[in-house]
Amino acid sequence: MAHRKANNKHSDATVDPLRRRRRRRLALAGLLLVPVLAFLVFSSYGLGSRLRLEMEQADIHERIDAAQKRRDSLETAIERLHRDTLYIERLARERFGMIRPGERVYLLDSDDVDSE
């Protein structure tokens, strides 16, 4: 038993330096890890910037989609203006108050229309 105790004391003495080394390594790793993580999160190359850029990109894609829909709508209107004379006539009557020769336009007061 005496031999075991001596051996135990020897192993306890070796464990303390091993624990100290491990703690030092962990502390050093922590000290190195904190600035690296701070750089990754807060720098212009970091996570915050990436998220902001992704949101900007999504917004730009939405605006592009809206512009493409508007362009398609305008192209359809242009095609219709080139081919559909009834459409042109309707626009001329509604927007510009144009009439055909011999037609009469009757203007009604909005009060007269509401009373009927």
PDB file of N, CA and C in Angstrom:
ATOM      1  N   MET A   1       0.797  -1.195   0.000  1.00  0.00           N
ATOM      2  CA  MET A   1       0.000   0.000   0.000  1.00  0.00           C
ATOM      3  C   MET A   1       0.843   1.264   0.000  1.00  0.00           C
ATOM      4  N   ALA A   2       1.933   1.203   0.703  1.00  0.00           N
ATOM      5  CA  ALA A   2       2.802   2.368   0.766  1.00  0.00           C
ATOM      6  C   ALA A   2       3.318   2.717  -0.617  1.00  0.00           C
ATOM      7  N   HIS A   3       3.590   1.680  -1.345  1.00  0.00           N
ATOM      8  CA  HIS A   3       4.091   1.900  -2.696  1.00  0.00           C
ATOM      9  C   HIS A   3       3.019   2.583  -3.564  1.00  0.00           C
ATOM     10  N   ARG A   4       1.787   2.157  -3.364  1.00  0.00           N
ATOM     11  CA  ARG A   4       0.706   2.770  -4.128  1.00  0.00           C
ATOM     12  C   ARG A   4       0.549   4.245  -3.812  1.00  0.00           C
ATOM     13  N   LYS A   5       0.638   4.585  -2.550  1.00  0.00           N
ATOM     14  CA  LYS A   5       0.492   5.984  -2.170  1.00  0.00           C
ATOM     15  C   LYS A   5       1.584   6.830  -2.798  1.00  0.00           C
ATOM     16  N   ALA A   6       2.771   6.310  -2.795  1.00  0.00           N
ATOM     17  CA  ALA A   6       3.876   7.051  -3.406  1.00  0.00           C
ATOM     18  C   ALA A   6       3.633   7.219  -4.886  1.00  0.00           C
ATOM     19  N   ASN A   7       3.154   6.153  -5.480  1.00  0.00           N
ATOM     20  CA  ASN A   7       2.856   6.210  -6.911  1.00  0.00           C
ATOM     21  C   ASN A   7       1.711   7.185  -7.179  1.00  0.00           C
ATOM     22  N   ASN A   8       0.711   7.202  -6.289  1.00  0.00           N
ATOM     23  CA  ASN A   8      -0.421   8.121  -6.421  1.00  0.00           C
ATOM     24  C   ASN A   8       0.027   9.570  -6.309  1.00  0.00           C
ATOM     25  N   LYS A   9       0.924   9.824  -5.359  1.00  0.00           N
ATOM     26  CA  LYS A   9       1.431  11.192  -5.206  1.00  0.00           C
ATOM     27  C   LYS A   9       2.168  11.625  -6.461  1.00  0.00           C
ATOM     28  N   HIS A  10       2.897  10.714  -7.030  1.00  0.00           N
ATOM     29  CA  HIS A  10       3.639  11.026  -8.247  1.00  0.00           C
ATOM     30  C   HIS A  10       2.671  11.345  -9.390  1.00  0.00           C
ATOM     31  N   SER A  11       1.608  10.536  -9.503  1.00  0.00           N
ATOM     32  CA  SER A  11       0.656  10.785 -10.581  1.00  0.00           C
ATOM     33  C   SER A  11      -0.124  12.073 -10.335  1.00  0.00           C
ATOM     34  N   ASP A  12      -0.425  12.418  -9.068  1.00  0.00           N
ATOM     35  CA  ASP A  12      -1.100  13.681  -8.764  1.00  0.00           C
ATOM     36  C   ASP A  12      -0.214  14.868  -9.139  1.00  0.00           C
ATOM     37  N   ALA A  13       1.053  14.721  -8.914  1.00  0.00           N
ATOM     38  CA  ALA A  13       1.977  15.806  -9.248  1.00  0.00           C
ATOM     39  C   ALA A  13       2.047  16.021 -10.756  1.00  0.00           C
ATOM     40  N   THR A  14       1.927  14.953 -11.526  1.00  0.00           N
ATOM     41  CA  THR A  14       1.965  15.087 -12.978  1.00  0.00           C
ATOM     42  C   THR A  14       0.636  15.594 -13.529  1.00  0.00           C
ATOM     43  N   VAL A  15      -0.448  15.329 -12.837  1.00  0.00           N
ATOM     44  CA  VAL A  15      -1.756  15.772 -13.313  1.00  0.00           C
ATOM     45  C   VAL A  15      -1.875  17.284 -13.211  1.00  0.00           C
ATOM     46  N   ASP A  16      -1.398  17.852 -12.137  1.00  0.00           N
ATOM     47  CA  ASP A  16      -1.499  19.309 -11.969  1.00  0.00           C
ATOM     48  C   ASP A  16      -0.861  20.064 -13.126  1.00  0.00           C
ATOM     49  N   PRO A  17       0.369  19.733 -13.516  1.00  0.00           N
ATOM     50  CA  PRO A  17       0.922  20.439 -14.687  1.00  0.00           C
ATOM     51  C   PRO A  17       0.128  20.176 -15.966  1.00  0.00           C
ATOM     52  N   LEU A  18      -0.415  18.976 -16.092  1.00  0.00           N
ATOM     53  CA  LEU A  18      -1.235  18.686 -17.279  1.00  0.00           C
ATOM     54  C   LEU A  18      -2.507  19.532 -17.281  1.00  0.00           C
ATOM     55  N   ARG A  19      -3.107  19.646 -16.114  1.00  0.00           N
ATOM     56  CA  ARG A  19      -4.315  20.484 -16.013  1.00  0.00           C
ATOM     57  C   ARG A  19      -3.979  21.940 -16.300  1.00  0.00           C
ATOM     58  N   ARG A  20      -2.860  22.374 -15.748  1.00  0.00           N
ATOM     59  CA  ARG A  20      -2.447  23.760 -16.000  1.00  0.00           C
ATOM     60  C   ARG A  20      -2.214  24.000 -17.483  1.00  0.00           C
ATOM     61  N   ARG A  21      -1.574  23.060 -18.135  1.00  0.00           N
ATOM     62  CA  ARG A  21      -1.325  23.204 -19.583  1.00  0.00           C
ATOM     63  C   ARG A  21      -2.635  23.269 -20.355  1.00  0.00           C
ATOM     64  N   ARG A  22      -3.558  22.381 -19.986  1.00  0.00           N
ATOM     65  CA  ARG A  22      -4.854  22.373 -20.665  1.00  0.00           C
ATOM     66  C   ARG A  22      -5.588  23.699 -20.451  1.00  0.00           C
ATOM     67  N   ARG A  23      -5.565  24.185 -19.236  1.00  0.00           N
ATOM     68  CA  ARG A  23      -6.217  25.460 -18.944  1.00  0.00           C
ATOM     69  C   ARG A  23      -5.566  26.595 -19.715  1.00  0.00           C
ATOM     70  N   ARG A  24      -4.245  26.581 -19.775  1.00  0.00           N
ATOM     71  CA  ARG A  24      -3.537  27.613 -20.535  1.00  0.00           C
ATOM     72  C   ARG A  24      -3.902  27.537 -22.014  1.00  0.00           C
ATOM     73  N   ARG A  25      -3.946  26.320 -22.526  1.00  0.00           N
ATOM     74  CA  ARG A  25      -4.302  26.149 -23.938  1.00  0.00           C
ATOM     75  C   ARG A  25      -5.726  26.631 -24.202  1.00  0.00           C
ATOM     76  N   LEU A  26      -6.647  26.280 -23.307  1.00  0.00           N
ATOM     77  CA  LEU A  26      -8.026  26.739 -23.462  1.00  0.00           C
ATOM     78  C   LEU A  26      -8.121  28.262 -23.372  1.00  0.00           C
ATOM     79  N   ALA A  27      -7.394  28.840 -22.419  1.00  0.00           N
ATOM     80  CA  ALA A  27      -7.398  30.293 -22.277  1.00  0.00           C
ATOM     81  C   ALA A  27      -6.812  30.949 -23.521  1.00  0.00           C
ATOM     82  N   LEU A  28      -5.721  30.406 -24.032  1.00  0.00           N
ATOM     83  CA  LEU A  28      -5.100  30.940 -25.240  1.00  0.00           C
ATOM     84  C   LEU A  28      -6.045  30.792 -26.435  1.00  0.00           C
ATOM     85  N   ALA A  29      -6.671  29.629 -26.535  1.00  0.00           N
ATOM     86  CA  ALA A  29      -7.621  29.416 -27.634  1.00  0.00           C
ATOM     87  C   ALA A  29      -8.781  30.402 -27.522  1.00  0.00           C
ATOM     88  N   GLY A  30      -9.251  30.628 -26.298  1.00  0.00           N
ATOM     89  CA  GLY A  30     -10.335  31.593 -26.091  1.00  0.00           C
ATOM     90  C   GLY A  30      -9.909  32.996 -26.466  1.00  0.00           C
ATOM     91  N   LEU A  31      -8.696  33.373 -26.081  1.00  0.00           N
ATOM     92  CA  LEU A  31      -8.197  34.707 -26.417  1.00  0.00           C
ATOM     93  C   LEU A  31      -8.039  34.890 -27.923  1.00  0.00           C
ATOM     94  N   LEU A  32      -7.665  33.831 -28.594  1.00  0.00           N
ATOM     95  CA  LEU A  32      -7.533  33.920 -30.049  1.00  0.00           C
ATOM     96  C   LEU A  32      -8.886  33.848 -30.745  1.00  0.00           C
ATOM     97  N   LEU A  33      -9.794  33.102 -30.152  1.00  0.00           N
ATOM     98  CA  LEU A  33     -11.100  32.904 -30.767  1.00  0.00           C
ATOM     99  C   LEU A  33     -11.982  34.155 -30.688  1.00  0.00           C
ATOM    100  N   VAL A  34     -11.891  34.902 -29.620  1.00  0.00           N
ATOM    101  CA  VAL A  34     -12.735  36.092 -29.439  1.00  0.00           C
ATOM    102  C   VAL A  34     -12.503  37.117 -30.556  1.00  0.00           C
ATOM    103  N   PRO A  35     -11.272  37.502 -30.851  1.00  0.00           N
ATOM    104  CA  PRO A  35     -11.099  38.477 -31.951  1.00  0.00           C
ATOM    105  C   PRO A  35     -11.521  37.917 -33.315  1.00  0.00           C
ATOM    106  N   VAL A  36     -11.286  36.624 -33.520  1.00  0.00           N
ATOM    107  CA  VAL A  36     -11.681  36.031 -34.800  1.00  0.00           C
ATOM    108  C   VAL A  36     -13.196  36.078 -34.944  1.00  0.00           C
ATOM    109  N   LEU A  37     -13.913  35.699 -33.891  1.00  0.00           N
ATOM    110  CA  LEU A  37     -15.377  35.750 -33.933  1.00  0.00           C
ATOM    111  C   LEU A  37     -15.874  37.188 -34.082  1.00  0.00           C
ATOM    112  N   ALA A  38     -15.243  38.115 -33.384  1.00  0.00           N
ATOM    113  CA  ALA A  38     -15.637  39.517 -33.505  1.00  0.00           C
ATOM    114  C   ALA A  38     -15.442  39.996 -34.940  1.00  0.00           C
ATOM    115  N   PHE A  39     -14.345  39.608 -35.568  1.00  0.00           N
ATOM    116  CA  PHE A  39     -14.085  39.973 -36.952  1.00  0.00           C
ATOM    117  C   PHE A  39     -15.156  39.380 -37.863  1.00  0.00           C
ATOM    118  N   LEU A  40     -15.485  38.109 -37.645  1.00  0.00           N
ATOM    119  CA  LEU A  40     -16.463  37.444 -38.503  1.00  0.00           C
ATOM    120  C   LEU A  40     -17.859  38.045 -38.357  1.00  0.00           C
ATOM    121  N   VAL A  41     -18.177  38.550 -37.197  1.00  0.00           N
ATOM    122  CA  VAL A  41     -19.518  39.076 -36.972  1.00  0.00           C
ATOM    123  C   VAL A  41     -19.612  40.561 -37.320  1.00  0.00           C
ATOM    124  N   PHE A  42     -18.631  41.350 -36.914  1.00  0.00           N
ATOM    125  CA  PHE A  42     -18.775  42.802 -36.986  1.00  0.00           C
ATOM    126  C   PHE A  42     -18.009  43.486 -38.109  1.00  0.00           C
ATOM    127  N   SER A  43     -17.124  42.810 -38.782  1.00  0.00           N
ATOM    128  CA  SER A  43     -16.325  43.483 -39.813  1.00  0.00           C
ATOM    129  C   SER A  43     -17.148  43.689 -41.082  1.00  0.00           C
ATOM    130  N   SER A  44     -16.557  44.384 -42.032  1.00  0.00           N
ATOM    131  CA  SER A  44     -17.248  44.609 -43.302  1.00  0.00           C
ATOM    132  C   SER A  44     -17.383  43.317 -44.094  1.00  0.00           C
ATOM    133  N   TYR A  45     -16.643  42.291 -43.721  1.00  0.00           N
ATOM    134  CA  TYR A  45     -16.754  40.977 -44.341  1.00  0.00           C
ATOM    135  C   TYR A  45     -17.563  40.030 -43.462  1.00  0.00           C
ATOM    136  N   GLY A  46     -18.150  40.540 -42.409  1.00  0.00           N
ATOM    137  CA  GLY A  46     -18.782  39.703 -41.398  1.00  0.00           C
ATOM    138  C   GLY A  46     -20.220  39.338 -41.686  1.00  0.00           C
ATOM    139  N   LEU A  47     -20.776  38.664 -40.730  1.00  0.00           N
ATOM    140  CA  LEU A  47     -22.135  38.146 -40.827  1.00  0.00           C
ATOM    141  C   LEU A  47     -23.164  39.262 -40.950  1.00  0.00           C
ATOM    142  N   GLY A  48     -22.985  40.337 -40.196  1.00  0.00           N
ATOM    143  CA  GLY A  48     -23.929  41.453 -40.270  1.00  0.00           C
ATOM    144  C   GLY A  48     -23.980  42.059 -41.658  1.00  0.00           C
ATOM    145  N   SER A  49     -22.820  42.240 -42.251  1.00  0.00           N
ATOM    146  CA  SER A  49     -22.768  42.794 -43.610  1.00  0.00           C
ATOM    147  C   SER A  49     -23.387  41.830 -44.613  1.00  0.00           C
ATOM    148  N   ARG A  50     -23.116  40.573 -44.416  1.00  0.00           N
ATOM    149  CA  ARG A  50     -23.674  39.572 -45.338  1.00  0.00           C
ATOM    150  C   ARG A  50     -25.202  39.582 -45.281  1.00  0.00           C
ATOM    151  N   LEU A  51     -25.759  39.623 -44.074  1.00  0.00           N
ATOM    152  CA  LEU A  51     -27.214  39.642 -43.939  1.00  0.00           C
ATOM    153  C   LEU A  51     -27.802  40.902 -44.558  1.00  0.00           C
ATOM    154  N   ARG A  52     -27.147  42.042 -44.343  1.00  0.00           N
ATOM    155  CA  ARG A  52     -27.620  43.298 -44.927  1.00  0.00           C
ATOM    156  C   ARG A  52     -27.587  43.224 -46.456  1.00  0.00           C
ATOM    157  N   LEU A  53     -26.505  42.676 -46.996  1.00  0.00           N
ATOM    158  CA  LEU A  53     -26.386  42.566 -48.447  1.00  0.00           C
ATOM    159  C   LEU A  53     -27.415  41.603 -49.030  1.00  0.00           C
ATOM    160  N   GLU A  54     -27.697  40.527 -48.312  1.00  0.00           N
ATOM    161  CA  GLU A  54     -28.704  39.583 -48.788  1.00  0.00           C
ATOM    162  C   GLU A  54     -30.087  40.234 -48.801  1.00  0.00           C
ATOM    163  N   MET A  55     -30.369  41.061 -47.788  1.00  0.00           N
ATOM    164  CA  MET A  55     -31.652  41.764 -47.764  1.00  0.00           C
ATOM    165  C   MET A  55     -31.733  42.770 -48.911  1.00  0.00           C
ATOM    166  N   GLU A  56     -30.639  43.469 -49.172  1.00  0.00           N
ATOM    167  CA  GLU A  56     -30.598  44.408 -50.299  1.00  0.00           C
ATOM    168  C   GLU A  56     -30.808  43.673 -51.613  1.00  0.00           C
ATOM    169  N   GLN A  57     -30.169  42.518 -51.734  1.00  0.00           N
ATOM    170  CA  GLN A  57     -30.291  41.732 -52.954  1.00  0.00           C
ATOM    171  C   GLN A  57     -31.746  41.290 -53.164  1.00  0.00           C
ATOM    172  N   ALA A  58     -32.398  40.843 -52.105  1.00  0.00           N
ATOM    173  CA  ALA A  58     -33.795  40.430 -52.215  1.00  0.00           C
ATOM    174  C   ALA A  58     -34.666  41.608 -52.632  1.00  0.00           C
ATOM    175  N   ASP A  59     -34.394  42.796 -52.068  1.00  0.00           N
ATOM    176  CA  ASP A  59     -35.152  43.997 -52.422  1.00  0.00           C
ATOM    177  C   ASP A  59     -34.940  44.353 -53.893  1.00  0.00           C
ATOM    178  N   ILE A  60     -33.710  44.255 -54.339  1.00  0.00           N
ATOM    179  CA  ILE A  60     -33.398  44.564 -55.742  1.00  0.00           C
ATOM    180  C   ILE A  60     -34.097  43.581 -56.674  1.00  0.00           C
ATOM    181  N   HIS A  61     -34.115  42.298 -56.302  1.00  0.00           N
ATOM    182  CA  HIS A  61     -34.803  41.303 -57.128  1.00  0.00           C
ATOM    183  C   HIS A  61     -36.304  41.594 -57.206  1.00  0.00           C
ATOM    184  N   GLU A  62     -36.896  42.021 -56.100  1.00  0.00           N
ATOM    185  CA  GLU A  62     -38.313  42.385 -56.114  1.00  0.00           C
ATOM    186  C   GLU A  62     -38.561  43.570 -57.033  1.00  0.00           C
ATOM    187  N   ARG A  63     -37.682  44.560 -56.967  1.00  0.00           N
ATOM    188  CA  ARG A  63     -37.842  45.724 -57.832  1.00  0.00           C
ATOM    189  C   ARG A  63     -37.660  45.354 -59.302  1.00  0.00           C
ATOM    190  N   ILE A  64     -36.724  44.458 -59.574  1.00  0.00           N
ATOM    191  CA  ILE A  64     -36.518  43.998 -60.951  1.00  0.00           C
ATOM    192  C   ILE A  64     -37.760  43.275 -61.454  1.00  0.00           C
ATOM    193  N   ASP A  65     -38.332  42.396 -60.620  1.00  0.00           N
ATOM    194  CA  ASP A  65     -39.541  41.672 -61.015  1.00  0.00           C
ATOM    195  C   ASP A  65     -40.687  42.637 -61.299  1.00  0.00           C
ATOM    196  N   ALA A  66     -40.855  43.651 -60.449  1.00  0.00           N
ATOM    197  CA  ALA A  66     -41.917  44.637 -60.656  1.00  0.00           C
ATOM    198  C   ALA A  66     -41.688  45.408 -61.953  1.00  0.00           C
ATOM    199  N   ALA A  67     -40.433  45.767 -62.223  1.00  0.00           N
ATOM    200  CA  ALA A  67     -40.117  46.509 -63.450  1.00  0.00           C
ATOM    201  C   ALA A  67     -40.368  45.645 -64.685  1.00  0.00           C
ATOM    202  N   GLN A  68     -40.048  44.358 -64.594  1.00  0.00           N
ATOM    203  CA  GLN A  68     -40.291  43.464 -65.728  1.00  0.00           C
ATOM    204  C   GLN A  68     -41.788  43.293 -65.986  1.00  0.00           C
ATOM    205  N   LYS A  69     -42.580  43.211 -64.918  1.00  0.00           N
ATOM    206  CA  LYS A  69     -44.032  43.114 -65.094  1.00  0.00           C
ATOM    207  C   LYS A  69     -44.573  44.386 -65.733  1.00  0.00           C
ATOM    208  N   ARG A  70     -44.072  45.517 -65.296  1.00  0.00           N
ATOM    209  CA  ARG A  70     -44.498  46.807 -65.867  1.00  0.00           C
ATOM    210  C   ARG A  70     -44.109  46.883 -67.342  1.00  0.00           C
ATOM    211  N   ARG A  71     -42.897  46.456 -67.665  1.00  0.00           N
ATOM    212  CA  ARG A  71     -42.443  46.456 -69.059  1.00  0.00           C
ATOM    213  C   ARG A  71     -43.331  45.550 -69.913  1.00  0.00           C
ATOM    214  N   ASP A  72     -43.646  44.352 -69.393  1.00  0.00           N
ATOM    215  CA  ASP A  72     -44.504  43.435 -70.141  1.00  0.00           C
ATOM    216  C   ASP A  72     -45.884  44.053 -70.380  1.00  0.00           C
ATOM    217  N   SER A  73     -46.407  44.730 -69.356  1.00  0.00           N
ATOM    218  CA  SER A  73     -47.709  45.382 -69.485  1.00  0.00           C
ATOM    219  C   SER A  73     -47.655  46.473 -70.552  1.00  0.00           C
ATOM    220  N   LEU A  74     -46.591  47.257 -70.549  1.00  0.00           N
ATOM    221  CA  LEU A  74     -46.447  48.325 -71.543  1.00  0.00           C
ATOM    222  C   LEU A  74     -46.272  47.749 -72.951  1.00  0.00           C
ATOM    223  N   GLU A  75     -45.522  46.661 -73.076  1.00  0.00           N
ATOM    224  CA  GLU A  75     -45.356  46.031 -74.390  1.00  0.00           C
ATOM    225  C   GLU A  75     -46.690  45.516 -74.912  1.00  0.00           C
ATOM    226  N   THR A  76     -47.512  44.966 -74.012  1.00  0.00           N
ATOM    227  CA  THR A  76     -48.840  44.496 -74.410  1.00  0.00           C
ATOM    228  C   THR A  76     -49.695  45.670 -74.881  1.00  0.00           C
ATOM    229  N   ALA A  77     -49.631  46.772 -74.157  1.00  0.00           N
ATOM    230  CA  ALA A  77     -50.393  47.959 -74.552  1.00  0.00           C
ATOM    231  C   ALA A  77     -49.926  48.485 -75.903  1.00  0.00           C
ATOM    232  N   ILE A  78     -48.634  48.482 -76.122  1.00  0.00           N
ATOM    233  CA  ILE A  78     -48.089  48.948 -77.412  1.00  0.00           C
ATOM    234  C   ILE A  78     -48.587  48.060 -78.547  1.00  0.00           C
ATOM    235  N   GLU A  79     -48.529  46.758 -78.349  1.00  0.00           N
ATOM    236  CA  GLU A  79     -49.006  45.825 -79.372  1.00  0.00           C
ATOM    237  C   GLU A  79     -50.490  46.056 -79.659  1.00  0.00           C
ATOM    238  N   ARG A  80     -51.245  46.278 -78.584  1.00  0.00           N
ATOM    239  CA  ARG A  80     -52.682  46.509 -78.745  1.00  0.00           C
ATOM    240  C   ARG A  80     -52.932  47.803 -79.522  1.00  0.00           C
ATOM    241  N   LEU A  81     -52.124  48.826 -79.247  1.00  0.00           N
ATOM    242  CA  LEU A  81     -52.272  50.090 -79.978  1.00  0.00           C
ATOM    243  C   LEU A  81     -51.936  49.924 -81.455  1.00  0.00           C
ATOM    244  N   HIS A  82     -51.028  49.034 -81.781  1.00  0.00           N
ATOM    245  CA  HIS A  82     -50.658  48.801 -83.183  1.00  0.00           C
ATOM    246  C   HIS A  82     -51.732  48.015 -83.922  1.00  0.00           C
ATOM    247  N   ARG A  83     -52.489  47.181 -83.221  1.00  0.00           N
ATOM    248  CA  ARG A  83     -53.381  46.246 -83.905  1.00  0.00           C
ATOM    249  C   ARG A  83     -54.870  46.470 -83.664  1.00  0.00           C
ATOM    250  N   ASP A  84     -55.265  46.994 -82.518  1.00  0.00           N
ATOM    251  CA  ASP A  84     -56.680  47.030 -82.130  1.00  0.00           C
ATOM    252  C   ASP A  84     -57.241  48.445 -82.275  1.00  0.00           C
ATOM    253  N   THR A  85     -57.956  48.696 -83.381  1.00  0.00           N
ATOM    254  CA  THR A  85     -58.497  50.030 -83.633  1.00  0.00           C
ATOM    255  C   THR A  85     -59.629  50.375 -82.662  1.00  0.00           C
ATOM    256  N   LEU A  86     -60.382  49.373 -82.219  1.00  0.00           N
ATOM    257  CA  LEU A  86     -61.450  49.642 -81.257  1.00  0.00           C
ATOM    258  C   LEU A  86     -60.866  50.112 -79.923  1.00  0.00           C
ATOM    259  N   TYR A  87     -59.752  49.546 -79.559  1.00  0.00           N
ATOM    260  CA  TYR A  87     -59.064  49.955 -78.329  1.00  0.00           C
ATOM    261  C   TYR A  87     -58.600  51.410 -78.447  1.00  0.00           C
ATOM    262  N   ILE A  88     -58.067  51.760 -79.607  1.00  0.00           N
ATOM    263  CA  ILE A  88     -57.620  53.137 -79.840  1.00  0.00           C
ATOM    264  C   ILE A  88     -58.809  54.094 -79.777  1.00  0.00           C
ATOM    265  N   GLU A  89     -59.911  53.696 -80.374  1.00  0.00           N
ATOM    266  CA  GLU A  89     -61.103  54.546 -80.356  1.00  0.00           C
ATOM    267  C   GLU A  89     -61.606  54.739 -78.927  1.00  0.00           C
ATOM    268  N   ARG A  90     -61.660  53.669 -78.163  1.00  0.00           N
ATOM    269  CA  ARG A  90     -62.127  53.768 -76.780  1.00  0.00           C
ATOM    270  C   ARG A  90     -61.235  54.709 -75.970  1.00  0.00           C
ATOM    271  N   LEU A  91     -59.906  54.586 -76.139  1.00  0.00           N
ATOM    272  CA  LEU A  91     -58.982  55.472 -75.425  1.00  0.00           C
ATOM    273  C   LEU A  91     -59.192  56.925 -75.846  1.00  0.00           C
ATOM    274  N   ALA A  92     -59.382  57.159 -77.140  1.00  0.00           N
ATOM    275  CA  ALA A  92     -59.577  58.526 -77.634  1.00  0.00           C
ATOM    276  C   ALA A  92     -60.843  59.128 -77.051  1.00  0.00           C
ATOM    277  N   ARG A  93     -61.903  58.334 -76.941  1.00  0.00           N
ATOM    278  CA  ARG A  93     -63.159  58.832 -76.386  1.00  0.00           C
ATOM    279  C   ARG A  93     -63.030  59.096 -74.888  1.00  0.00           C
ATOM    280  N   GLU A  94     -62.453  58.137 -74.163  1.00  0.00           N
ATOM    281  CA  GLU A  94     -62.386  58.252 -72.702  1.00  0.00           C
ATOM    282  C   GLU A  94     -61.377  59.301 -72.249  1.00  0.00           C
ATOM    283  N   ARG A  95     -60.217  59.269 -72.819  1.00  0.00           N
ATOM    284  CA  ARG A  95     -59.152  60.158 -72.330  1.00  0.00           C
ATOM    285  C   ARG A  95     -59.214  61.562 -72.911  1.00  0.00           C
ATOM    286  N   PHE A  96     -59.598  61.648 -74.183  1.00  0.00           N
ATOM    287  CA  PHE A  96     -59.514  62.939 -74.846  1.00  0.00           C
ATOM    288  C   PHE A  96     -60.872  63.517 -75.227  1.00  0.00           C
ATOM    289  N   GLY A  97     -61.942  62.799 -74.904  1.00  0.00           N
ATOM    290  CA  GLY A  97     -63.290  63.310 -75.190  1.00  0.00           C
ATOM    291  C   GLY A  97     -63.584  63.443 -76.671  1.00  0.00           C
ATOM    292  N   MET A  98     -62.962  62.665 -77.497  1.00  0.00           N
ATOM    293  CA  MET A  98     -63.158  62.763 -78.942  1.00  0.00           C
ATOM    294  C   MET A  98     -64.475  62.097 -79.340  1.00  0.00           C
ATOM    295  N   ILE A  99     -65.061  62.611 -80.424  1.00  0.00           N
ATOM    296  CA  ILE A  99     -66.309  62.058 -80.946  1.00  0.00           C
ATOM    297  C   ILE A  99     -66.174  61.873 -82.452  1.00  0.00           C
ATOM    298  N   ARG A 100     -67.048  61.025 -82.970  1.00  0.00           N
ATOM    299  CA  ARG A 100     -67.077  60.846 -84.436  1.00  0.00           C
ATOM    300  C   ARG A 100     -67.858  62.000 -85.070  1.00  0.00           C
ATOM    301  N   PRO A 101     -67.592  62.249 -86.325  1.00  0.00           N
ATOM    302  CA  PRO A 101     -68.364  63.302 -87.007  1.00  0.00           C
ATOM    303  C   PRO A 101     -69.855  62.951 -86.988  1.00  0.00           C
ATOM    304  N   GLY A 102     -70.674  63.945 -86.644  1.00  0.00           N
ATOM    305  CA  GLY A 102     -72.121  63.754 -86.606  1.00  0.00           C
ATOM    306  C   GLY A 102     -72.628  63.288 -85.244  1.00  0.00           C
ATOM    307  N   GLU A 103     -71.777  62.892 -84.332  1.00  0.00           N
ATOM    308  CA  GLU A 103     -72.217  62.474 -83.002  1.00  0.00           C
ATOM    309  C   GLU A 103     -72.447  63.699 -82.142  1.00  0.00           C
ATOM    310  N   ARG A 104     -73.336  63.546 -81.186  1.00  0.00           N
ATOM    311  CA  ARG A 104     -73.582  64.613 -80.223  1.00  0.00           C
ATOM    312  C   ARG A 104     -73.220  64.093 -78.836  1.00  0.00           C
ATOM    313  N   VAL A 105     -72.660  64.969 -78.066  1.00  0.00           N
ATOM    314  CA  VAL A 105     -72.298  64.619 -76.690  1.00  0.00           C
ATOM    315  C   VAL A 105     -73.222  65.378 -75.771  1.00  0.00           C
ATOM    316  N   TYR A 106     -73.854  64.658 -74.869  1.00  0.00           N
ATOM    317  CA  TYR A 106     -74.726  65.274 -73.885  1.00  0.00           C
ATOM    318  C   TYR A 106     -74.020  65.226 -72.539  1.00  0.00           C
ATOM    319  N   LEU A 107     -73.820  66.379 -71.954  1.00  0.00           N
ATOM    320  CA  LEU A 107     -73.189  66.464 -70.639  1.00  0.00           C
ATOM    321  C   LEU A 107     -74.281  66.614 -69.596  1.00  0.00           C
ATOM    322  N   LEU A 108     -74.215  65.794 -68.590  1.00  0.00           N
ATOM    323  CA  LEU A 108     -75.206  65.828 -67.527  1.00  0.00           C
ATOM    324  C   LEU A 108     -74.564  66.325 -66.258  1.00  0.00           C
ATOM    325  N   ASP A 109     -75.315  67.081 -65.484  1.00  0.00           N
ATOM    326  CA  ASP A 109     -74.839  67.490 -64.160  1.00  0.00           C
ATOM    327  C   ASP A 109     -74.826  66.263 -63.261  1.00  0.00           C
ATOM    328  N   SER A 110     -73.855  66.185 -62.435  1.00  0.00           N
ATOM    329  CA  SER A 110     -73.801  65.035 -61.543  1.00  0.00           C
ATOM    330  C   SER A 110     -74.965  65.077 -60.565  1.00  0.00           C
ATOM    331  N   ASP A 111     -75.509  66.278 -60.250  1.00  0.00           N
ATOM    332  CA  ASP A 111     -76.664  66.394 -59.365  1.00  0.00           C
ATOM    333  C   ASP A 111     -77.900  65.799 -60.013  1.00  0.00           C
ATOM    334  N   ASP A 112     -78.063  66.022 -61.336  1.00  0.00           N
ATOM    335  CA  ASP A 112     -79.213  65.479 -62.066  1.00  0.00           C
ATOM    336  C   ASP A 112     -79.169  63.955 -62.107  1.00  0.00           C
ATOM    337  N   VAL A 113     -78.008  63.376 -62.255  1.00  0.00           N
ATOM    338  CA  VAL A 113     -77.863  61.932 -62.320  1.00  0.00           C
ATOM    339  C   VAL A 113     -78.140  61.309 -60.970  1.00  0.00           C
ATOM    340  N   ASP A 114     -77.698  61.958 -59.898  1.00  0.00           N
ATOM    341  CA  ASP A 114     -77.869  61.422 -58.555  1.00  0.00           C
ATOM    342  C   ASP A 114     -79.339  61.423 -58.138  1.00  0.00           C
ATOM    343  N   SER A 115     -80.141  62.412 -58.610  1.00  0.00           N
ATOM    344  CA  SER A 115     -81.538  62.501 -58.188  1.00  0.00           C
ATOM    345  C   SER A 115     -82.413  61.444 -58.837  1.00  0.00           C
ATOM    346  N   GLU A 116     -81.988  60.893 -59.949  1.00  0.00           N
ATOM    347  CA  GLU A 116     -82.796  59.892 -60.652  1.00  0.00           C
ATOM    348  C   GLU A 116     -82.618  58.599 -60.044  1.00  0.00           C
TER     349      GLU A 116
END
